[in-house]
Amino acid sequence: MATERVKKIIIWVVFAFIVYAIFTSPTRSADIVHSCWQILSDGVKNLGAFFNSILNR
């Protein structure tokens, strides 16, 4: 029960920080989101290449 309350508070604090970061520096926030998206898409592409390599042998 207390764990759920702490978890909820942490989620709200993180959400508030994200909103604050977006409003104070929207360009930097967009750059961070773009970088994260690039990392995720590269990871998916590399996983695809890995499994493609395994299946072709």
C-alpha atoms as a PDB file:
ATOM      1  CA  MET A   1       0.000   0.000   0.000  1.00  0.00           C
ATOM      2  CA  ALA A   2       2.773   2.453   0.909  1.00  0.00           C
ATOM      3  CA  THR A   3       4.763   1.252  -2.096  1.00  0.00           C
ATOM      4  CA  GLU A   4       1.921   2.207  -4.428  1.00  0.00           C
ATOM      5  CA  ARG A   5       1.764   5.658  -2.876  1.00  0.00           C
ATOM      6  CA  VAL A   6       5.513   6.176  -3.315  1.00  0.00           C
ATOM      7  CA  LYS A   7       5.311   4.925  -6.892  1.00  0.00           C
ATOM      8  CA  LYS A   8       2.481   7.343  -7.657  1.00  0.00           C
ATOM      9  CA  ILE A   9       4.434  10.265  -6.150  1.00  0.00           C
ATOM     10  CA  ILE A  10       7.544   9.388  -8.160  1.00  0.00           C
ATOM     11  CA  ILE A  11       5.523   9.188 -11.376  1.00  0.00           C
ATOM     12  CA  TRP A  12       4.014  12.634 -10.706  1.00  0.00           C
ATOM     13  CA  VAL A  13       7.431  14.129  -9.939  1.00  0.00           C
ATOM     14  CA  VAL A  14       8.899  12.709 -13.157  1.00  0.00           C
ATOM     15  CA  PHE A  15       5.889  13.974 -15.130  1.00  0.00           C
ATOM     16  CA  ALA A  16       6.230  17.440 -13.584  1.00  0.00           C
ATOM     17  CA  PHE A  17       9.945  17.500 -14.436  1.00  0.00           C
ATOM     18  CA  ILE A  18       9.237  16.538 -18.050  1.00  0.00           C
ATOM     19  CA  VAL A  19       6.630  19.285 -18.380  1.00  0.00           C
ATOM     20  CA  TYR A  20       9.042  21.779 -16.780  1.00  0.00           C
ATOM     21  CA  ALA A  21      11.846  20.740 -19.145  1.00  0.00           C
ATOM     22  CA  ILE A  22       9.592  21.107 -22.185  1.00  0.00           C
ATOM     23  CA  PHE A  23       8.424  24.577 -21.207  1.00  0.00           C
ATOM     24  CA  THR A  24      11.844  25.912 -20.236  1.00  0.00           C
ATOM     25  CA  SER A  25      13.778  24.489 -23.190  1.00  0.00           C
ATOM     26  CA  PRO A  26      11.563  23.107 -25.961  1.00  0.00           C
ATOM     27  CA  THR A  27      14.367  22.887 -28.531  1.00  0.00           C
ATOM     28  CA  ARG A  28      16.630  20.881 -26.225  1.00  0.00           C
ATOM     29  CA  SER A  29      13.707  18.640 -25.243  1.00  0.00           C
ATOM     30  CA  ALA A  30      12.957  17.953 -28.898  1.00  0.00           C
ATOM     31  CA  ASP A  31      16.617  17.092 -29.500  1.00  0.00           C
ATOM     32  CA  ILE A  32      16.554  14.619 -26.601  1.00  0.00           C
ATOM     33  CA  VAL A  33      13.368  12.966 -27.876  1.00  0.00           C
ATOM     34  CA  HIS A  34      14.844  12.752 -31.378  1.00  0.00           C
ATOM     35  CA  SER A  35      18.029  11.165 -30.031  1.00  0.00           C
ATOM     36  CA  CYS A  36      16.060   8.611 -27.994  1.00  0.00           C
ATOM     37  CA  TRP A  37      13.941   7.757 -31.026  1.00  0.00           C
ATOM     38  CA  GLN A  38      17.072   7.334 -33.140  1.00  0.00           C
ATOM     39  CA  ILE A  39      18.611   4.974 -30.572  1.00  0.00           C
ATOM     40  CA  LEU A  40      15.444   2.867 -30.416  1.00  0.00           C
ATOM     41  CA  SER A  41      15.050   2.668 -34.192  1.00  0.00           C
ATOM     42  CA  ASP A  42      18.722   1.724 -34.638  1.00  0.00           C
ATOM     43  CA  GLY A  43      18.304  -0.989 -32.010  1.00  0.00           C
ATOM     44  CA  VAL A  44      15.287  -2.449 -33.799  1.00  0.00           C
ATOM     45  CA  LYS A  45      17.116  -2.344 -37.134  1.00  0.00           C
ATOM     46  CA  ASN A  46      20.134  -4.109 -35.614  1.00  0.00           C
ATOM     47  CA  LEU A  47      17.934  -6.789 -34.044  1.00  0.00           C
ATOM     48  CA  GLY A  48      16.312  -7.343 -37.423  1.00  0.00           C
ATOM     49  CA  ALA A  49      19.702  -7.642 -39.101  1.00  0.00           C
ATOM     50  CA  PHE A  50      20.851 -10.073 -36.399  1.00  0.00           C
ATOM     51  CA  PHE A  51      17.880 -12.403 -36.813  1.00  0.00           C
ATOM     52  CA  ASN A  52      18.050 -12.060 -40.575  1.00  0.00           C
ATOM     53  CA  SER A  53      21.689 -13.155 -40.433  1.00  0.00           C
ATOM     54  CA  ILE A  54      20.827 -16.155 -38.249  1.00  0.00           C
ATOM     55  CA  LEU A  55      17.966 -17.299 -40.490  1.00  0.00           C
ATOM     56  CA  ASN A  56      19.981 -16.979 -43.721  1.00  0.00           C
ATOM     57  CA  ARG A  57      22.712 -19.359 -42.521  1.00  0.00           C
END
